[in-house]
Amino acid sequence: MSIPKEPRQLMINLMYLVLTALLALNVSAEIFNAFKLVDNGLQKSNATLEATSSQIPGRIAELAKKDPLKYEKYIAKANEARKISKEFVEYVEEIKNYMIAETGGIDTVKGQPKGYKDKDITTRYLVGKEPAKNAGKGGELEAKIKETYDKFLALVDDEDKAKEASSITVRIDSAYTTSKTKKNWAHYNFFQMPLLATMPILTKIENDARSSEAAILNYLAGKVGGEDIVFDKFVVVSSTKKSYVIAGETFEAEIFLSAASKNTDGMSISINGSPAAVKDGVAKYSVKTSDTGVKKYTAKATLKNPVTGEVQTYDGSFEYEVGRRSASIQLDKMNVFYLGVDNPISVSAAGVSSNALRVTGSGAGIRLTPNGANKYIVNVSQPGEATITLSAEGLTSSTFNYRVKRIPDPVAKIGRLAGGSMSAGEFKVQPGIIPTLEGFEFEAKCTIESYRIIRIRRGEDPRVANNSGGGFNGEAARLIQDAGPGDNYIITDVKGKCPGDAASRPLNSLAFQIR
């Protein structure tokens, strides 16, 4: 543009430039707020993933006990997956902390880096003076991402690698290869980017590592728990030191799966020295009780090994305690009552018929509905504590206290994922966000009340839409349909409602990278 010679026109042009600059400042402030919002949402998602993943290795170790020689390697792999993720996240956090410290630290009032607009630190530190050489920290980060992907994939059995590779989302996005001006991945992502704009990018990379860790841990859990153990005849057995305890004592039991063979040739069982009849590999012991107290008995089983011909004998000592009439309640599913759902319980009192047993409840808005012999459905309407009392003629009343809790938080998902990588085609056909109650044994259906969705596309301002209900509609639906490779979608401020809720509750955030 040529410089006008007329003073009036020169003044008008200068005013236009000033106005444009002011407008740019306003837009910039909105964009920076969006970056901060996206980063906060990703950090919440990372915390959710970490909390979930931290519990899985323990479950794998428990499942592996059924065949230690076969499954021990999966315990080690689970621990290694946790280590890989931890080391990678710590590495990325060091990069973020260094840049924040170099630009003045954190503004505790605004909750963001003091140098949030600084482009020099990102370009100099992450890209380097000569972008083509890829010698900045960003080039090292790129290599670290590829290395982490390979480490996660190495934990997968060879025959499963092709199937499981797509679940490992910590990888280098190939979108930079289509750029005609950017030299490499670091140049594409960080060159002349304000510090605050790089924070969600780096947090998203951490999110990819957490998601990959969760995928690998779930895969390993499936390897130790996905095979059926088939026996000729089997039953769950509880072996207790005492089959009756007094309040204040410790109850101890070993729970295991007992296998037997219907072929009882060569097998004999004796109880207290007397032979017992054996049917389908099982002998039954019964004795009429009279006086109270601890009673003991011994059992001995002799078996001929059909392969070696060797005769082997196994014996054990057991005890039980005979007491007077007592009453009890057994919760069929959990040791608490949940708001908004039917809580089934079974009640019993030794020596008292179900018709003579009186069952009453109080507290937490409790309501008891008969549901068959010795069974009831419990409904509660208030959190706190509920009490159930059993009484009958000749029986001292027994009172049982139970906690009343709301239904656990569901996990917000798109399709079957709570975050990670998804193709554009698959992403576009998703109807909305679905709340999933994972590991909850009761029949309950939660709903999504509202959320905010943000689409981030390279070279464009972030687009934000608020959505009511779980299904994508209005502007949110249009953002979903605009999805393309390289786009990032962040869904925050997710609110859901479950049966028994008086108001909506906050749920986890979601983050997706479109491929």
Protein backbone atom coordinates (compact mmCIF):
# COMPACT_ATOMS: atom_id res chain seq x y z
CA MET A 1 0.00 0.00 0.00
CA SER A 2 1.43 3.38 -1.02
CA ILE A 3 1.63 6.22 1.53
CA PRO A 4 -0.99 8.91 0.67
CA LYS A 5 0.25 12.46 0.25
CA GLU A 6 -2.97 14.12 1.42
CA PRO A 7 -2.80 14.71 5.23
CA ARG A 8 -6.51 13.91 5.70
CA GLN A 9 -6.22 10.56 3.95
CA LEU A 10 -3.03 9.77 5.87
CA MET A 11 -4.86 10.45 9.15
CA ILE A 12 -7.78 8.20 8.10
CA ASN A 13 -5.39 5.37 7.23
CA LEU A 14 -3.60 5.68 10.57
CA MET A 15 -6.92 5.62 12.44
CA TYR A 16 -7.89 2.47 10.51
CA LEU A 17 -4.64 0.77 11.49
CA VAL A 18 -5.17 1.69 15.14
CA LEU A 19 -8.74 0.36 15.07
CA THR A 20 -7.58 -2.88 13.44
CA ALA A 21 -4.94 -3.29 16.12
CA LEU A 22 -7.52 -2.76 18.89
CA LEU A 23 -9.85 -5.33 17.34
CA ALA A 24 -6.94 -7.76 17.08
CA LEU A 25 -6.21 -7.29 20.77
CA ASN A 26 -9.82 -8.15 21.68
CA VAL A 27 -9.85 -11.27 19.49
CA SER A 28 -6.50 -12.27 20.92
CA ALA A 29 -7.85 -12.09 24.48
CA GLU A 30 -10.74 -14.41 23.56
CA ILE A 31 -8.38 -16.85 21.90
CA PHE A 32 -6.08 -16.90 24.93
CA ASN A 33 -9.05 -17.58 27.19
CA ALA A 34 -9.99 -20.48 24.91
CA PHE A 35 -6.46 -21.88 25.11
CA LYS A 36 -6.57 -21.75 28.92
CA LEU A 37 -10.01 -23.41 28.95
CA VAL A 38 -8.81 -26.19 26.64
CA ASP A 39 -5.70 -26.81 28.76
CA ASN A 40 -7.76 -27.00 31.98
CA GLY A 41 -10.14 -29.49 30.38
CA LEU A 42 -7.27 -31.67 29.18
CA GLN A 43 -5.67 -31.64 32.63
CA LYS A 44 -8.94 -32.86 34.19
CA SER A 45 -9.13 -35.62 31.58
CA ASN A 46 -5.53 -36.62 32.37
CA ALA A 47 -6.35 -36.82 36.08
CA THR A 48 -9.33 -39.09 35.35
CA LEU A 49 -7.22 -41.39 33.17
CA GLU A 50 -4.47 -41.57 35.81
CA ALA A 51 -6.96 -42.42 38.58
CA THR A 52 -8.43 -45.24 36.48
CA SER A 53 -5.11 -46.66 35.26
CA SER A 54 -3.60 -46.73 38.76
CA GLN A 55 -6.06 -49.45 39.80
CA ILE A 56 -5.60 -51.82 36.85
CA PRO A 57 -2.14 -53.32 37.65
CA GLY A 58 -3.46 -54.54 41.00
CA ARG A 59 -6.39 -56.27 39.28
CA ILE A 60 -4.00 -57.86 36.76
CA ALA A 61 -1.85 -59.18 39.62
CA GLU A 62 -4.92 -60.71 41.28
CA LEU A 63 -6.12 -62.34 38.06
CA ALA A 64 -2.62 -63.67 37.33
CA LYS A 65 -2.66 -65.73 40.55
CA LYS A 66 -4.74 -68.41 38.83
CA ASP A 67 -1.70 -69.39 36.72
CA PRO A 68 1.44 -67.49 37.86
CA LEU A 69 3.82 -69.19 35.43
CA LYS A 70 1.61 -68.32 32.46
CA TYR A 71 0.56 -64.81 33.46
CA GLU A 72 3.50 -63.44 35.47
CA LYS A 73 4.85 -61.66 32.37
CA TYR A 74 1.67 -59.56 32.13
CA ILE A 75 2.19 -58.24 35.68
CA ALA A 76 5.65 -57.02 34.67
CA LYS A 77 4.25 -55.51 31.45
CA ALA A 78 1.55 -53.65 33.37
CA ASN A 79 4.14 -52.13 35.69
CA GLU A 80 6.29 -51.23 32.69
CA ALA A 81 3.32 -49.48 31.00
CA ARG A 82 2.84 -47.35 34.12
CA LYS A 83 6.57 -46.53 34.14
CA ILE A 84 6.62 -45.56 30.44
CA SER A 85 3.66 -43.21 30.87
CA LYS A 86 5.03 -41.66 34.09
CA GLU A 87 8.46 -40.95 32.61
CA PHE A 88 7.00 -39.48 29.42
CA VAL A 89 4.57 -37.17 31.24
CA GLU A 90 7.33 -36.00 33.57
CA TYR A 91 9.50 -35.24 30.53
CA VAL A 92 6.78 -33.11 28.91
CA GLU A 93 6.07 -31.36 32.23
CA GLU A 94 9.76 -30.39 32.43
CA ILE A 95 9.46 -28.70 29.02
CA LYS A 96 6.39 -26.75 30.12
CA ASN A 97 7.89 -25.74 33.46
CA TYR A 98 11.13 -24.56 31.85
CA MET A 99 9.35 -22.23 29.42
CA ILE A 100 7.09 -20.85 32.15
CA ALA A 101 10.06 -20.21 34.45
CA GLU A 102 12.02 -18.52 31.63
CA THR A 103 9.15 -16.09 31.00
CA GLY A 104 8.59 -14.99 34.60
CA GLY A 105 6.69 -17.87 36.22
CA ILE A 106 2.94 -18.09 36.96
CA ASP A 107 0.59 -15.17 37.53
CA THR A 108 -1.24 -16.55 40.59
CA VAL A 109 -4.11 -14.08 40.20
CA LYS A 110 -4.92 -14.95 36.58
CA GLY A 111 -3.80 -18.54 36.89
CA GLN A 112 -1.65 -18.47 33.75
CA PRO A 113 2.01 -17.86 32.78
CA LYS A 114 3.11 -14.23 33.12
CA GLY A 115 4.68 -14.45 29.67
CA TYR A 116 1.62 -16.06 28.09
CA LYS A 117 2.04 -14.03 24.87
CA ASP A 118 5.77 -14.75 24.56
CA LYS A 119 6.59 -16.24 21.15
CA ASP A 120 10.36 -16.05 21.48
CA ILE A 121 10.68 -18.81 24.09
CA THR A 122 8.61 -21.29 22.08
CA THR A 123 10.42 -20.55 18.83
CA ARG A 124 13.93 -20.39 20.31
CA TYR A 125 13.57 -23.35 22.70
CA LEU A 126 11.28 -25.72 20.81
CA VAL A 127 12.09 -24.93 17.16
CA GLY A 128 15.65 -23.56 17.29
CA LYS A 129 17.43 -20.79 15.41
CA GLU A 130 17.52 -22.81 12.18
CA PRO A 131 14.17 -24.66 11.81
CA ALA A 132 15.41 -26.83 8.95
CA LYS A 133 17.98 -28.49 11.24
CA ASN A 134 15.25 -29.60 13.69
CA ALA A 135 17.74 -29.08 16.53
CA GLY A 136 15.35 -27.56 19.10
CA LYS A 137 13.67 -29.27 22.05
CA GLY A 138 10.68 -29.92 19.80
CA GLY A 139 12.80 -32.25 17.64
CA GLU A 140 13.83 -34.14 20.76
CA LEU A 141 10.17 -34.30 21.85
CA GLU A 142 9.21 -35.71 18.44
CA ALA A 143 11.79 -38.49 18.85
CA LYS A 144 10.55 -39.11 22.42
CA ILE A 145 6.95 -39.51 21.18
CA LYS A 146 8.03 -42.06 18.57
CA GLU A 147 10.13 -43.90 21.15
CA THR A 148 7.21 -44.00 23.60
CA TYR A 149 4.89 -45.37 20.91
CA ASP A 150 7.38 -48.17 20.19
CA LYS A 151 7.75 -48.94 23.91
CA PHE A 152 3.98 -49.28 24.37
CA LEU A 153 3.65 -51.45 21.25
CA ALA A 154 6.47 -53.71 22.49
CA LEU A 155 4.27 -54.65 25.46
CA VAL A 156 1.72 -56.23 23.09
CA ASP A 157 2.07 -59.88 22.12
CA ASP A 158 3.31 -60.32 18.54
CA GLU A 159 0.08 -61.89 17.33
CA ASP A 160 -1.94 -58.90 18.63
CA LYS A 161 0.27 -56.01 17.44
CA ALA A 162 -1.61 -55.32 14.20
CA LYS A 163 -4.93 -55.18 16.03
CA GLU A 164 -3.80 -53.13 19.03
CA ALA A 165 -1.51 -50.62 17.26
CA SER A 166 -4.38 -48.19 16.57
CA SER A 167 -5.23 -47.96 20.28
CA ILE A 168 -1.82 -46.38 21.00
CA THR A 169 -2.58 -42.70 20.43
CA VAL A 170 0.77 -41.20 21.45
CA ARG A 171 2.12 -40.69 17.94
CA ILE A 172 3.25 -37.98 15.52
CA ASP A 173 0.41 -36.40 13.57
CA SER A 174 1.27 -36.44 9.86
CA ALA A 175 -0.65 -33.20 9.14
CA TYR A 176 2.62 -31.20 9.07
CA THR A 177 3.77 -33.09 5.98
CA THR A 178 1.17 -31.29 3.84
CA SER A 179 2.58 -27.85 4.70
CA LYS A 180 4.61 -26.14 1.98
CA THR A 181 6.32 -23.71 4.38
CA LYS A 182 6.92 -25.70 7.58
CA LYS A 183 10.17 -27.67 7.71
CA ASN A 184 9.22 -30.33 10.24
CA TRP A 185 6.82 -31.31 13.04
CA ALA A 186 8.28 -28.89 15.62
CA HIS A 187 8.30 -26.01 13.11
CA TYR A 188 4.68 -26.76 12.22
CA ASN A 189 3.41 -26.85 15.81
CA PHE A 190 5.50 -24.32 17.73
CA PHE A 191 7.01 -21.68 15.42
CA GLN A 192 5.91 -18.18 16.53
CA MET A 193 3.23 -19.69 18.79
CA PRO A 194 2.41 -17.79 22.00
CA LEU A 195 3.44 -19.65 25.14
CA LEU A 196 -0.15 -20.09 26.35
CA ALA A 197 -1.13 -21.58 22.97
CA THR A 198 1.52 -24.31 23.30
CA MET A 199 0.26 -25.42 26.72
CA PRO A 200 -2.84 -27.34 25.45
CA ILE A 201 -0.72 -28.87 22.67
CA LEU A 202 1.75 -30.25 25.20
CA THR A 203 -1.03 -31.29 27.61
CA LYS A 204 -2.76 -33.08 24.71
CA ILE A 205 0.48 -35.00 24.07
CA GLU A 206 0.42 -36.03 27.75
CA ASN A 207 -3.23 -37.02 27.30
CA ASP A 208 -2.23 -39.24 24.36
CA ALA A 209 0.31 -41.00 26.60
CA ARG A 210 -2.26 -41.49 29.39
CA SER A 211 -4.83 -42.83 26.88
CA SER A 212 -2.23 -45.19 25.40
CA GLU A 213 -1.33 -46.42 28.88
CA ALA A 214 -5.00 -47.11 29.65
CA ALA A 215 -5.42 -48.98 26.35
CA ILE A 216 -2.38 -51.17 27.01
CA LEU A 217 -3.42 -51.89 30.61
CA ASN A 218 -6.93 -52.90 29.49
CA TYR A 219 -5.37 -55.14 26.83
CA LEU A 220 -3.14 -56.81 29.44
CA ALA A 221 -6.09 -57.24 31.81
CA GLY A 222 -7.93 -59.01 29.00
CA LYS A 223 -4.99 -61.37 28.49
CA VAL A 224 -5.07 -62.58 32.10
CA GLY A 225 -8.84 -62.59 32.52
CA GLY A 226 -10.18 -63.49 29.12
CA GLU A 227 -9.73 -67.24 29.17
CA ASP A 228 -12.31 -69.63 30.58
CA ILE A 229 -11.19 -72.34 32.96
CA VAL A 230 -13.17 -75.48 32.22
CA PHE A 231 -13.53 -78.27 34.76
CA ASP A 232 -15.50 -81.50 34.77
CA LYS A 233 -17.29 -80.27 37.91
CA PHE A 234 -16.57 -77.17 39.94
CA VAL A 235 -17.92 -75.04 42.78
CA VAL A 236 -16.84 -71.93 44.66
CA VAL A 237 -15.66 -72.87 48.17
CA SER A 238 -15.17 -70.67 51.22
CA SER A 239 -12.74 -72.16 53.73
CA THR A 240 -13.06 -70.36 57.06
CA LYS A 241 -11.15 -70.63 60.29
CA LYS A 242 -14.47 -70.22 62.13
CA SER A 243 -17.89 -70.38 60.51
CA TYR A 244 -19.41 -68.21 63.23
CA VAL A 245 -17.93 -65.12 64.83
CA ILE A 246 -18.96 -62.67 67.51
CA ALA A 247 -19.10 -58.89 66.91
CA GLY A 248 -15.62 -57.46 67.44
CA GLU A 249 -13.82 -60.60 66.26
CA THR A 250 -12.05 -60.83 62.87
CA PHE A 251 -13.63 -63.04 60.25
CA GLU A 252 -11.14 -64.78 57.95
CA ALA A 253 -11.84 -66.94 54.92
CA GLU A 254 -10.07 -68.32 51.85
CA ILE A 255 -12.20 -68.23 48.72
CA PHE A 256 -11.22 -70.55 45.86
CA LEU A 257 -12.58 -72.61 42.99
CA SER A 258 -12.74 -76.30 43.84
CA ALA A 259 -12.63 -78.72 40.92
CA ALA A 260 -13.78 -82.32 41.03
CA SER A 261 -14.17 -85.25 38.66
CA LYS A 262 -17.34 -87.25 38.15
CA ASN A 263 -15.12 -90.32 37.81
CA THR A 264 -14.72 -91.39 41.45
CA ASP A 265 -12.89 -94.66 40.78
CA GLY A 266 -10.04 -95.02 43.26
CA MET A 267 -11.29 -92.15 45.47
CA SER A 268 -12.34 -92.49 49.11
CA ILE A 269 -13.24 -89.86 51.72
CA SER A 270 -13.54 -90.33 55.48
CA ILE A 271 -14.89 -87.82 58.03
CA ASN A 272 -13.83 -88.16 61.68
CA GLY A 273 -12.42 -91.58 60.75
CA SER A 274 -15.70 -92.91 59.30
CA PRO A 275 -16.06 -93.57 55.55
CA ALA A 276 -18.42 -91.25 53.67
CA ALA A 277 -20.35 -91.87 50.46
CA VAL A 278 -18.78 -90.15 47.41
CA LYS A 279 -20.92 -89.02 44.48
CA ASP A 280 -19.52 -87.09 41.52
CA GLY A 281 -16.33 -86.50 43.50
CA VAL A 282 -18.16 -84.91 46.45
CA ALA A 283 -18.88 -86.25 49.95
CA LYS A 284 -21.47 -84.63 52.19
CA TYR A 285 -21.16 -84.27 55.97
CA SER A 286 -24.13 -83.58 58.22
CA VAL A 287 -24.60 -83.81 61.97
CA LYS A 288 -27.44 -82.96 64.29
CA THR A 289 -26.46 -80.13 66.67
CA SER A 290 -27.57 -79.78 70.27
CA ASP A 291 -25.36 -77.88 72.69
CA THR A 292 -23.66 -74.61 71.71
CA GLY A 293 -19.96 -73.96 71.28
CA VAL A 294 -17.12 -74.66 68.87
CA LYS A 295 -17.25 -78.05 67.11
CA LYS A 296 -14.41 -79.62 65.15
CA TYR A 297 -14.18 -82.34 62.52
CA THR A 298 -11.50 -83.82 60.29
CA ALA A 299 -11.68 -85.05 56.71
CA LYS A 300 -9.31 -87.26 54.71
CA ALA A 301 -9.40 -87.95 50.97
CA THR A 302 -7.42 -90.71 49.28
CA LEU A 303 -7.00 -90.64 45.50
CA LYS A 304 -5.18 -92.75 42.95
CA ASN A 305 -3.53 -90.71 40.20
CA PRO A 306 -4.87 -92.21 36.94
CA VAL A 307 -1.68 -91.27 35.09
CA THR A 308 1.09 -92.28 37.50
CA GLY A 309 -0.84 -94.84 39.52
CA GLU A 310 0.43 -93.21 42.72
CA VAL A 311 -1.96 -93.17 45.71
CA GLN A 312 -2.06 -89.79 47.44
CA THR A 313 -3.81 -88.75 50.65
CA TYR A 314 -4.99 -85.24 51.60
CA ASP A 315 -6.45 -84.25 54.96
CA GLY A 316 -7.71 -81.17 56.76
CA SER A 317 -9.22 -79.99 60.03
CA PHE A 318 -12.29 -77.76 60.20
CA GLU A 319 -14.51 -76.19 62.83
CA TYR A 320 -17.86 -74.51 63.19
CA GLU A 321 -19.70 -72.88 66.06
CA VAL A 322 -23.21 -73.61 67.22
CA GLY A 323 -25.09 -70.59 68.54
CA ARG A 324 -28.60 -69.53 69.48
CA ARG A 325 -31.14 -67.80 67.26
CA SER A 326 -29.81 -64.75 65.48
CA ALA A 327 -30.92 -62.52 62.66
CA SER A 328 -29.02 -61.18 59.67
CA ILE A 329 -29.41 -59.20 56.49
CA GLN A 330 -27.46 -59.88 53.32
CA LEU A 331 -27.23 -57.21 50.64
CA ASP A 332 -27.40 -59.00 47.31
CA LYS A 333 -25.09 -56.60 45.46
CA MET A 334 -23.26 -54.05 47.62
CA ASN A 335 -22.77 -53.01 51.23
CA VAL A 336 -24.53 -49.68 50.71
CA PHE A 337 -27.90 -48.47 49.47
CA TYR A 338 -27.96 -46.22 46.39
CA LEU A 339 -30.37 -43.40 45.68
CA GLY A 340 -32.67 -43.70 42.69
CA VAL A 341 -32.41 -47.48 42.15
CA ASP A 342 -33.89 -50.70 43.51
CA ASN A 343 -31.58 -52.19 46.17
CA PRO A 344 -32.36 -55.91 46.60
CA ILE A 345 -31.67 -57.53 49.98
CA SER A 346 -32.18 -60.96 51.53
CA VAL A 347 -33.08 -61.32 55.22
CA SER A 348 -32.97 -64.36 57.47
CA ALA A 349 -33.28 -65.39 61.09
CA ALA A 350 -32.22 -68.87 62.12
CA GLY A 351 -35.19 -70.88 63.36
CA VAL A 352 -37.74 -68.21 62.44
CA SER A 353 -40.10 -68.68 59.48
CA SER A 354 -40.31 -65.91 56.89
CA ASN A 355 -43.96 -65.33 57.81
CA ALA A 356 -43.10 -64.66 61.47
CA LEU A 357 -40.16 -62.33 60.74
CA ARG A 358 -40.96 -58.60 60.90
CA VAL A 359 -38.77 -56.28 58.78
CA THR A 360 -38.96 -52.51 59.28
CA GLY A 361 -36.83 -49.58 58.17
CA SER A 362 -36.13 -45.98 59.18
CA GLY A 363 -34.00 -43.03 58.04
CA ALA A 364 -32.98 -41.74 54.58
CA GLY A 365 -36.59 -41.90 53.37
CA ILE A 366 -36.36 -45.71 53.26
CA ARG A 367 -39.14 -47.80 51.77
CA LEU A 368 -39.21 -51.65 51.90
CA THR A 369 -41.17 -53.68 49.34
CA PRO A 370 -41.49 -57.52 49.62
CA ASN A 371 -39.96 -59.30 46.63
CA GLY A 372 -40.35 -63.01 47.35
CA ALA A 373 -39.45 -65.30 50.23
CA ASN A 374 -37.05 -63.50 52.61
CA LYS A 375 -36.32 -60.89 49.95
CA TYR A 376 -37.06 -57.16 49.79
CA ILE A 377 -36.47 -54.21 47.52
CA VAL A 378 -35.09 -51.18 49.37
CA ASN A 379 -35.63 -47.68 47.98
CA VAL A 380 -34.08 -44.61 49.61
CA SER A 381 -34.61 -40.95 48.79
CA GLN A 382 -32.07 -39.10 50.97
CA PRO A 383 -28.30 -39.53 51.46
CA GLY A 384 -27.07 -40.39 54.95
CA GLU A 385 -27.78 -43.54 56.95
CA ALA A 386 -30.66 -46.01 56.90
CA THR A 387 -31.58 -48.57 59.54
CA ILE A 388 -33.32 -51.93 59.11
CA THR A 389 -34.69 -53.80 62.13
CA LEU A 390 -35.55 -57.53 62.26
CA SER A 391 -37.83 -58.81 65.00
CA ALA A 392 -39.98 -61.83 65.79
CA GLU A 393 -41.61 -63.52 68.73
CA GLY A 394 -38.89 -65.10 70.87
CA LEU A 395 -36.14 -63.24 68.99
CA THR A 396 -34.29 -60.22 70.33
CA SER A 397 -34.66 -57.35 67.85
CA SER A 398 -31.57 -56.83 65.70
CA THR A 399 -30.74 -53.48 64.11
CA PHE A 400 -28.55 -53.01 61.03
CA ASN A 401 -27.20 -49.65 59.81
CA TYR A 402 -26.27 -48.92 56.20
CA ARG A 403 -24.81 -45.95 54.36
CA VAL A 404 -26.90 -44.30 51.67
CA LYS A 405 -24.96 -42.90 48.73
CA ARG A 406 -25.72 -41.46 45.34
CA ILE A 407 -24.92 -43.41 42.19
CA PRO A 408 -21.18 -43.14 41.25
CA ASP A 409 -20.19 -40.69 38.52
CA PRO A 410 -20.70 -42.15 35.04
CA VAL A 411 -17.90 -41.81 32.47
CA ALA A 412 -18.80 -39.51 29.58
CA LYS A 413 -17.88 -41.11 26.24
CA ILE A 414 -18.23 -40.59 22.53
CA GLY A 415 -18.85 -44.04 21.11
CA ARG A 416 -16.75 -46.37 23.25
CA LEU A 417 -13.99 -43.85 24.00
CA ALA A 418 -13.48 -41.18 26.64
CA GLY A 419 -10.77 -39.56 24.54
CA GLY A 420 -7.95 -40.33 22.14
CA SER A 421 -7.74 -40.68 18.37
CA MET A 422 -10.72 -41.19 16.01
CA SER A 423 -11.11 -41.04 12.25
CA ALA A 424 -13.12 -38.15 10.81
CA GLY A 425 -15.71 -40.51 9.34
CA GLU A 426 -16.29 -42.34 12.61
CA PHE A 427 -16.39 -39.07 14.56
CA LYS A 428 -19.04 -37.52 12.31
CA VAL A 429 -21.52 -40.38 12.71
CA GLN A 430 -21.50 -40.26 16.53
CA PRO A 431 -24.93 -39.16 17.83
CA GLY A 432 -23.62 -37.44 20.97
CA ILE A 433 -22.13 -37.99 24.41
CA ILE A 434 -23.17 -41.10 26.32
CA PRO A 435 -22.80 -41.48 30.12
CA THR A 436 -21.57 -44.99 31.00
CA LEU A 437 -21.80 -46.47 34.50
CA GLU A 438 -18.74 -48.71 34.54
CA GLY A 439 -18.70 -51.53 37.07
CA PHE A 440 -22.06 -50.49 38.58
CA GLU A 441 -24.19 -53.55 39.27
CA PHE A 442 -27.60 -51.89 39.40
CA GLU A 443 -30.08 -51.05 36.66
CA ALA A 444 -29.73 -47.30 36.26
CA LYS A 445 -29.67 -44.90 33.33
CA CYS A 446 -27.92 -41.52 33.58
CA THR A 447 -28.34 -38.63 31.15
CA ILE A 448 -26.16 -35.81 29.84
CA GLU A 449 -27.58 -32.38 30.62
CA SER A 450 -25.14 -30.05 28.85
CA TYR A 451 -21.54 -29.48 27.78
CA ARG A 452 -19.23 -27.16 25.87
CA ILE A 453 -17.43 -28.32 22.72
CA ILE A 454 -14.34 -26.61 21.24
CA ARG A 455 -12.89 -27.37 17.82
CA ILE A 456 -9.23 -26.40 17.25
CA ARG A 457 -7.95 -26.33 13.69
CA ARG A 458 -4.48 -25.27 12.65
CA GLY A 459 -4.49 -21.73 11.28
CA GLU A 460 -8.00 -20.92 12.49
CA ASP A 461 -9.47 -19.43 15.65
CA PRO A 462 -11.01 -22.02 17.99
CA ARG A 463 -14.77 -22.47 17.53
CA VAL A 464 -16.88 -22.94 20.66
CA ALA A 465 -20.44 -24.19 21.02
CA ASN A 466 -22.61 -24.89 24.05
CA ASN A 467 -24.92 -27.89 23.81
CA SER A 468 -28.01 -28.90 25.77
CA GLY A 469 -28.73 -32.61 26.18
CA GLY A 470 -26.51 -35.53 25.23
CA GLY A 471 -27.11 -35.53 21.48
CA PHE A 472 -25.17 -33.18 19.21
CA ASN A 473 -27.50 -30.43 17.99
CA GLY A 474 -27.37 -26.91 16.62
CA GLU A 475 -23.92 -25.35 16.44
CA ALA A 476 -22.36 -28.35 18.23
CA ALA A 477 -23.63 -30.67 15.48
CA ARG A 478 -22.15 -28.36 12.84
CA LEU A 479 -18.77 -28.41 14.59
CA ILE A 480 -18.83 -32.20 14.60
CA GLN A 481 -19.69 -32.36 10.90
CA ASP A 482 -16.78 -30.00 10.11
CA ALA A 483 -14.26 -32.48 11.57
CA GLY A 484 -11.18 -33.08 9.44
CA PRO A 485 -7.75 -34.76 9.86
CA GLY A 486 -5.52 -32.87 12.28
CA ASP A 487 -8.44 -31.22 14.13
CA ASN A 488 -8.62 -31.39 17.91
CA TYR A 489 -11.93 -31.45 19.82
CA ILE A 490 -12.15 -30.66 23.50
CA ILE A 491 -15.40 -31.21 25.39
CA THR A 492 -15.56 -29.58 28.82
CA ASP A 493 -18.08 -28.49 31.45
CA VAL A 494 -19.90 -31.80 30.99
CA LYS A 495 -22.93 -32.00 33.28
CA GLY A 496 -24.88 -35.20 33.85
CA LYS A 497 -27.74 -36.44 35.98
CA CYS A 498 -28.40 -39.87 37.42
CA PRO A 499 -31.50 -41.33 39.13
CA GLY A 500 -31.86 -39.83 42.60
CA ASP A 501 -29.93 -36.64 41.74
CA ALA A 502 -31.56 -33.39 42.82
CA ALA A 503 -29.29 -31.41 40.46
CA SER A 504 -26.83 -32.14 37.67
CA ARG A 505 -23.26 -33.18 38.54
CA PRO A 506 -19.93 -32.38 36.77
CA LEU A 507 -18.45 -35.23 34.72
CA ASN A 508 -15.10 -35.85 33.03
CA SER A 509 -13.83 -33.82 30.07
CA LEU A 510 -13.06 -35.45 26.71
CA ALA A 511 -10.30 -34.77 24.18
CA PHE A 512 -10.13 -36.20 20.65
CA GLN A 513 -7.63 -35.88 17.82
CA ILE A 514 -9.12 -36.46 14.36
CA ARG A 515 -7.11 -38.53 11.93
